[in-house]
């Protein structure tokens, strides 16, 4: 796993999401949003951006997110 994920983005919210996933591995979106005090719309937007950037993925339903290895 690439341990330099956090420095691949300048956005502090994205870095916080990446740090959360590094610590918790796989998490539901709601768990991430609650932990980081993010609104659903803002958090979902950032998760979608991180997915497009190839840094996170979600494979389960309901979706759980994890860092791409």
PDB file of N, CA and C in Angstrom:
ATOM      1  N   UNK A   1       0.831  -1.177   0.000  1.00  0.00           N
ATOM      2  CA  UNK A   1       0.000   0.000   0.000  1.00  0.00           C
ATOM      3  C   UNK A   1       0.876   1.240   0.000  1.00  0.00           C
ATOM      4  N   UNK A   2       0.500   2.221  -0.794  1.00  0.00           N
ATOM      5  CA  UNK A   2       1.227   3.477  -0.854  1.00  0.00           C
ATOM      6  C   UNK A   2       0.955   4.276   0.411  1.00  0.00           C
ATOM      7  N   UNK A   3       1.977   4.564   1.185  1.00  0.00           N
ATOM      8  CA  UNK A   3       1.793   5.291   2.442  1.00  0.00           C
ATOM      9  C   UNK A   3       1.856   6.798   2.249  1.00  0.00           C
ATOM     10  N   UNK A   4       2.012   7.264   1.035  1.00  0.00           N
ATOM     11  CA  UNK A   4       2.098   8.693   0.769  1.00  0.00           C
ATOM     12  C   UNK A   4       0.801   9.265   0.216  1.00  0.00           C
ATOM     13  N   UNK A   5      -0.332   8.593   0.477  1.00  0.00           N
ATOM     14  CA  UNK A   5      -1.614   9.071  -0.025  1.00  0.00           C
ATOM     15  C   UNK A   5      -1.889  10.512   0.376  1.00  0.00           C
ATOM     16  N   UNK A   6      -1.628  10.843   1.643  1.00  0.00           N
ATOM     17  CA  UNK A   6      -2.003  12.155   2.167  1.00  0.00           C
ATOM     18  C   UNK A   6      -1.301  13.293   1.448  1.00  0.00           C
ATOM     19  N   UNK A   7      -0.108  13.048   0.946  1.00  0.00           N
ATOM     20  CA  UNK A   7       0.589  14.135   0.267  1.00  0.00           C
ATOM     21  C   UNK A   7       0.223  14.205  -1.209  1.00  0.00           C
ATOM     22  N   UNK A   8      -0.635  13.311  -1.682  1.00  0.00           N
ATOM     23  CA  UNK A   8      -1.060  13.344  -3.069  1.00  0.00           C
ATOM     24  C   UNK A   8      -2.183  14.352  -3.297  1.00  0.00           C
ATOM     25  N   UNK A   9      -2.733  14.922  -2.251  1.00  0.00           N
ATOM     26  CA  UNK A   9      -3.783  15.916  -2.385  1.00  0.00           C
ATOM     27  C   UNK A   9      -3.492  17.091  -1.461  1.00  0.00           C
ATOM     28  N   UNK A  10      -3.763  18.273  -1.956  1.00  0.00           N
ATOM     29  CA  UNK A  10      -3.545  19.474  -1.151  1.00  0.00           C
ATOM     30  C   UNK A  10      -4.773  19.820  -0.323  1.00  0.00           C
ATOM     31  N   UNK A  11      -5.910  19.204  -0.639  1.00  0.00           N
ATOM     32  CA  UNK A  11      -7.155  19.511   0.055  1.00  0.00           C
ATOM     33  C   UNK A  11      -7.149  18.917   1.464  1.00  0.00           C
ATOM     34  N   UNK A  12      -7.332  19.747   2.499  1.00  0.00           N
ATOM     35  CA  UNK A  12      -7.263  19.240   3.872  1.00  0.00           C
ATOM     36  C   UNK A  12      -8.372  18.247   4.213  1.00  0.00           C
ATOM     37  N   UNK A  13      -9.539  18.401   3.615  1.00  0.00           N
ATOM     38  CA  UNK A  13     -10.628  17.458   3.889  1.00  0.00           C
ATOM     39  C   UNK A  13     -10.312  16.098   3.289  1.00  0.00           C
ATOM     40  N   UNK A  14      -9.802  16.091   2.077  1.00  0.00           N
ATOM     41  CA  UNK A  14      -9.414  14.823   1.455  1.00  0.00           C
ATOM     42  C   UNK A  14      -8.294  14.160   2.249  1.00  0.00           C
ATOM     43  N   UNK A  15      -7.336  14.958   2.715  1.00  0.00           N
ATOM     44  CA  UNK A  15      -6.256  14.393   3.537  1.00  0.00           C
ATOM     45  C   UNK A  15      -6.817  13.774   4.810  1.00  0.00           C
ATOM     46  N   UNK A  16      -7.806  14.433   5.417  1.00  0.00           N
ATOM     47  CA  UNK A  16      -8.416  13.907   6.643  1.00  0.00           C
ATOM     48  C   UNK A  16      -9.129  12.586   6.364  1.00  0.00           C
ATOM     49  N   UNK A  17      -9.818  12.491   5.236  1.00  0.00           N
ATOM     50  CA  UNK A  17     -10.496  11.248   4.864  1.00  0.00           C
ATOM     51  C   UNK A  17      -9.468  10.138   4.669  1.00  0.00           C
ATOM     52  N   UNK A  18      -8.389  10.448   3.972  1.00  0.00           N
ATOM     53  CA  UNK A  18      -7.335   9.459   3.727  1.00  0.00           C
ATOM     54  C   UNK A  18      -6.718   8.998   5.044  1.00  0.00           C
ATOM     55  N   UNK A  19      -6.441   9.928   5.939  1.00  0.00           N
ATOM     56  CA  UNK A  19      -5.872   9.557   7.242  1.00  0.00           C
ATOM     57  C   UNK A  19      -6.846   8.675   8.023  1.00  0.00           C
ATOM     58  N   UNK A  20      -8.129   9.010   7.963  1.00  0.00           N
ATOM     59  CA  UNK A  20      -9.141   8.200   8.645  1.00  0.00           C
ATOM     60  C   UNK A  20      -9.117   6.768   8.104  1.00  0.00           C
ATOM     61  N   UNK A  21      -9.092   6.627   6.785  1.00  0.00           N
ATOM     62  CA  UNK A  21      -9.106   5.293   6.181  1.00  0.00           C
ATOM     63  C   UNK A  21      -7.806   4.538   6.430  1.00  0.00           C
ATOM     64  N   UNK A  22      -6.700   5.240   6.538  1.00  0.00           N
ATOM     65  CA  UNK A  22      -5.439   4.563   6.878  1.00  0.00           C
ATOM     66  C   UNK A  22      -5.544   3.940   8.263  1.00  0.00           C
ATOM     67  N   UNK A  23      -6.221   4.626   9.166  1.00  0.00           N
ATOM     68  CA  UNK A  23      -6.354   4.144  10.542  1.00  0.00           C
ATOM     69  C   UNK A  23      -7.442   3.080  10.681  1.00  0.00           C
ATOM     70  N   UNK A  24      -8.575   3.274  10.008  1.00  0.00           N
ATOM     71  CA  UNK A  24      -9.732   2.402  10.199  1.00  0.00           C
ATOM     72  C   UNK A  24      -9.919   1.364   9.090  1.00  0.00           C
ATOM     73  N   UNK A  25      -9.088   1.397   8.079  1.00  0.00           N
ATOM     74  CA  UNK A  25      -9.145   0.468   6.939  1.00  0.00           C
ATOM     75  C   UNK A  25     -10.440   0.644   6.148  1.00  0.00           C
ATOM     76  N   UNK A  26     -11.450  -0.172   6.397  1.00  0.00           N
ATOM     77  CA  UNK A  26     -12.700  -0.127   5.645  1.00  0.00           C
ATOM     78  C   UNK A  26     -13.798   0.468   6.510  1.00  0.00           C
ATOM     79  N   UNK A  27     -14.516   1.460   5.965  1.00  0.00           N
ATOM     80  CA  UNK A  27     -15.544   2.150   6.745  1.00  0.00           C
ATOM     81  C   UNK A  27     -16.730   2.529   5.873  1.00  0.00           C
ATOM     82  N   UNK A  28     -17.905   2.572   6.504  1.00  0.00           N
ATOM     83  CA  UNK A  28     -19.089   3.100   5.833  1.00  0.00           C
ATOM     84  C   UNK A  28     -18.939   4.608   5.687  1.00  0.00           C
ATOM     85  N   UNK A  29     -19.564   5.158   4.667  1.00  0.00           N
ATOM     86  CA  UNK A  29     -19.504   6.595   4.445  1.00  0.00           C
ATOM     87  C   UNK A  29     -19.995   7.353   5.675  1.00  0.00           C
ATOM     88  N   UNK A  30     -21.082   6.907   6.275  1.00  0.00           N
ATOM     89  CA  UNK A  30     -21.623   7.581   7.455  1.00  0.00           C
ATOM     90  C   UNK A  30     -20.640   7.632   8.609  1.00  0.00           C
ATOM     91  N   UNK A  31     -19.859   6.572   8.786  1.00  0.00           N
ATOM     92  CA  UNK A  31     -18.844   6.548   9.849  1.00  0.00           C
ATOM     93  C   UNK A  31     -17.771   7.601   9.594  1.00  0.00           C
ATOM     94  N   UNK A  32     -17.364   7.704   8.346  1.00  0.00           N
ATOM     95  CA  UNK A  32     -16.338   8.683   7.974  1.00  0.00           C
ATOM     96  C   UNK A  32     -16.869  10.095   8.190  1.00  0.00           C
ATOM     97  N   UNK A  33     -18.087  10.349   7.701  1.00  0.00           N
ATOM     98  CA  UNK A  33     -18.666  11.684   7.806  1.00  0.00           C
ATOM     99  C   UNK A  33     -18.864  12.096   9.252  1.00  0.00           C
ATOM    100  N   UNK A  34     -19.358  11.176  10.067  1.00  0.00           N
ATOM    101  CA  UNK A  34     -19.595  11.489  11.478  1.00  0.00           C
ATOM    102  C   UNK A  34     -18.277  11.790  12.189  1.00  0.00           C
ATOM    103  N   UNK A  35     -17.282  10.968  11.952  1.00  0.00           N
ATOM    104  CA  UNK A  35     -15.990  11.144  12.608  1.00  0.00           C
ATOM    105  C   UNK A  35     -15.337  12.474  12.245  1.00  0.00           C
ATOM    106  N   UNK A  36     -15.512  12.891  10.997  1.00  0.00           N
ATOM    107  CA  UNK A  36     -14.869  14.117  10.520  1.00  0.00           C
ATOM    108  C   UNK A  36     -15.800  15.327  10.542  1.00  0.00           C
ATOM    109  N   UNK A  37     -17.015  15.144  11.057  1.00  0.00           N
ATOM    110  CA  UNK A  37     -18.020  16.223  11.135  1.00  0.00           C
ATOM    111  C   UNK A  37     -18.276  16.864   9.771  1.00  0.00           C
ATOM    112  N   UNK A  38     -18.497  16.009   8.767  1.00  0.00           N
ATOM    113  CA  UNK A  38     -18.778  16.484   7.416  1.00  0.00           C
ATOM    114  C   UNK A  38     -20.252  16.286   7.093  1.00  0.00           C
ATOM    115  N   UNK A  39     -20.816  17.204   6.314  1.00  0.00           N
ATOM    116  CA  UNK A  39     -22.176  17.014   5.823  1.00  0.00           C
ATOM    117  C   UNK A  39     -22.155  15.895   4.784  1.00  0.00           C
ATOM    118  N   UNK A  40     -23.326  15.303   4.542  1.00  0.00           N
ATOM    119  CA  UNK A  40     -23.393  14.219   3.566  1.00  0.00           C
ATOM    120  C   UNK A  40     -22.960  14.719   2.188  1.00  0.00           C
ATOM    121  N   UNK A  41     -23.503  15.865   1.768  1.00  0.00           N
ATOM    122  CA  UNK A  41     -23.204  16.337   0.409  1.00  0.00           C
ATOM    123  C   UNK A  41     -21.717  16.648   0.230  1.00  0.00           C
ATOM    124  N   UNK A  42     -21.121  17.293   1.218  1.00  0.00           N
ATOM    125  CA  UNK A  42     -19.693  17.619   1.117  1.00  0.00           C
ATOM    126  C   UNK A  42     -18.845  16.346   1.167  1.00  0.00           C
ATOM    127  N   UNK A  43     -19.151  15.463   2.112  1.00  0.00           N
ATOM    128  CA  UNK A  43     -18.389  14.225   2.247  1.00  0.00           C
ATOM    129  C   UNK A  43     -18.510  13.337   1.026  1.00  0.00           C
ATOM    130  N   UNK A  44     -19.728  13.206   0.498  1.00  0.00           N
ATOM    131  CA  UNK A  44     -19.948  12.380  -0.687  1.00  0.00           C
ATOM    132  C   UNK A  44     -19.166  12.946  -1.868  1.00  0.00           C
ATOM    133  N   UNK A  45     -19.178  14.269  -2.008  1.00  0.00           N
ATOM    134  CA  UNK A  45     -18.440  14.919  -3.100  1.00  0.00           C
ATOM    135  C   UNK A  45     -16.955  14.563  -3.028  1.00  0.00           C
ATOM    136  N   UNK A  46     -16.382  14.667  -1.836  1.00  0.00           N
ATOM    137  CA  UNK A  46     -14.962  14.365  -1.686  1.00  0.00           C
ATOM    138  C   UNK A  46     -14.673  12.881  -1.908  1.00  0.00           C
ATOM    139  N   UNK A  47     -15.564  12.008  -1.458  1.00  0.00           N
ATOM    140  CA  UNK A  47     -15.353  10.573  -1.683  1.00  0.00           C
ATOM    141  C   UNK A  47     -15.376  10.260  -3.178  1.00  0.00           C
ATOM    142  N   UNK A  48     -16.294  10.883  -3.901  1.00  0.00           N
ATOM    143  CA  UNK A  48     -16.354  10.666  -5.347  1.00  0.00           C
ATOM    144  C   UNK A  48     -15.085  11.176  -6.023  1.00  0.00           C
ATOM    145  N   UNK A  49     -14.579  12.316  -5.582  1.00  0.00           N
ATOM    146  CA  UNK A  49     -13.327  12.837  -6.148  1.00  0.00           C
ATOM    147  C   UNK A  49     -12.167  11.886  -5.856  1.00  0.00           C
ATOM    148  N   UNK A  50     -12.097  11.378  -4.634  1.00  0.00           N
ATOM    149  CA  UNK A  50     -11.026  10.437  -4.276  1.00  0.00           C
ATOM    150  C   UNK A  50     -11.143   9.143  -5.080  1.00  0.00           C
ATOM    151  N   UNK A  51     -12.373   8.708  -5.355  1.00  0.00           N
ATOM    152  CA  UNK A  51     -12.564   7.519  -6.200  1.00  0.00           C
ATOM    153  C   UNK A  51     -12.061   7.788  -7.612  1.00  0.00           C
ATOM    154  N   UNK A  52     -12.436   8.934  -8.179  1.00  0.00           N
ATOM    155  CA  UNK A  52     -11.982   9.280  -9.540  1.00  0.00           C
ATOM    156  C   UNK A  52     -10.465   9.389  -9.614  1.00  0.00           C
ATOM    157  N   UNK A  53      -9.846   9.844  -8.529  1.00  0.00           N
ATOM    158  CA  UNK A  53      -8.387   9.970  -8.476  1.00  0.00           C
ATOM    159  C   UNK A  53      -7.707   8.627  -8.223  1.00  0.00           C
ATOM    160  N   UNK A  54      -8.502   7.582  -7.997  1.00  0.00           N
ATOM    161  CA  UNK A  54      -7.948   6.248  -7.790  1.00  0.00           C
ATOM    162  C   UNK A  54      -7.370   6.016  -6.405  1.00  0.00           C
ATOM    163  N   UNK A  55      -7.754   6.837  -5.426  1.00  0.00           N
ATOM    164  CA  UNK A  55      -7.199   6.709  -4.077  1.00  0.00           C
ATOM    165  C   UNK A  55      -8.070   5.873  -3.146  1.00  0.00           C
ATOM    166  N   UNK A  56      -9.377   5.842  -3.393  1.00  0.00           N
ATOM    167  CA  UNK A  56     -10.272   5.012  -2.587  1.00  0.00           C
ATOM    168  C   UNK A  56     -11.173   4.222  -3.520  1.00  0.00           C
ATOM    169  N   UNK A  57     -11.783   3.208  -2.961  1.00  0.00           N
ATOM    170  CA  UNK A  57     -12.732   2.403  -3.723  1.00  0.00           C
ATOM    171  C   UNK A  57     -13.833   1.950  -2.786  1.00  0.00           C
ATOM    172  N   UNK A  58     -14.958   1.582  -3.373  1.00  0.00           N
ATOM    173  CA  UNK A  58     -16.016   0.966  -2.591  1.00  0.00           C
ATOM    174  C   UNK A  58     -16.560  -0.211  -3.387  1.00  0.00           C
ATOM    175  N   UNK A  59     -16.631  -1.355  -2.708  1.00  0.00           N
ATOM    176  CA  UNK A  59     -17.041  -2.582  -3.394  1.00  0.00           C
ATOM    177  C   UNK A  59     -18.257  -3.243  -2.776  1.00  0.00           C
ATOM    178  N   UNK A  60     -18.632  -2.862  -1.588  1.00  0.00           N
ATOM    179  CA  UNK A  60     -19.708  -3.536  -0.883  1.00  0.00           C
ATOM    180  C   UNK A  60     -20.986  -2.716  -0.943  1.00  0.00           C
ATOM    181  N   UNK A  61     -22.117  -3.373  -0.696  1.00  0.00           N
ATOM    182  CA  UNK A  61     -23.389  -2.675  -0.631  1.00  0.00           C
ATOM    183  C   UNK A  61     -24.029  -2.972   0.708  1.00  0.00           C
ATOM    184  N   UNK A  62     -24.359  -1.970   1.531  1.00  0.00           N
ATOM    185  CA  UNK A  62     -24.084  -0.562   1.277  1.00  0.00           C
ATOM    186  C   UNK A  62     -22.584  -0.321   1.225  1.00  0.00           C
ATOM    187  N   UNK A  63     -22.207   0.712   0.481  1.00  0.00           N
ATOM    188  CA  UNK A  63     -20.779   0.905   0.238  1.00  0.00           C
ATOM    189  C   UNK A  63     -19.954   1.158   1.488  1.00  0.00           C
ATOM    190  N   UNK A  64     -18.849   0.425   1.566  1.00  0.00           N
ATOM    191  CA  UNK A  64     -17.799   0.686   2.548  1.00  0.00           C
ATOM    192  C   UNK A  64     -16.597   1.122   1.731  1.00  0.00           C
ATOM    193  N   UNK A  65     -15.882   2.085   2.233  1.00  0.00           N
ATOM    194  CA  UNK A  65     -14.742   2.627   1.502  1.00  0.00           C
ATOM    195  C   UNK A  65     -13.437   2.169   2.118  1.00  0.00           C
ATOM    196  N   UNK A  66     -12.425   2.028   1.273  1.00  0.00           N
ATOM    197  CA  UNK A  66     -11.076   1.708   1.731  1.00  0.00           C
ATOM    198  C   UNK A  66     -10.079   2.299   0.752  1.00  0.00           C
ATOM    199  N   UNK A  67      -8.834   2.416   1.200  1.00  0.00           N
ATOM    200  CA  UNK A  67      -7.775   2.911   0.328  1.00  0.00           C
ATOM    201  C   UNK A  67      -7.426   1.848  -0.690  1.00  0.00           C
ATOM    202  N   UNK A  68      -7.082   2.264  -1.876  1.00  0.00           N
ATOM    203  CA  UNK A  68      -6.681   1.345  -2.928  1.00  0.00           C
ATOM    204  C   UNK A  68      -5.263   0.891  -2.632  1.00  0.00           C
ATOM    205  N   UNK A  69      -5.030  -0.392  -2.746  1.00  0.00           N
ATOM    206  CA  UNK A  69      -3.687  -0.938  -2.479  1.00  0.00           C
ATOM    207  C   UNK A  69      -2.882  -0.978  -3.744  1.00  0.00           C
TER     208      UNK A  69
END
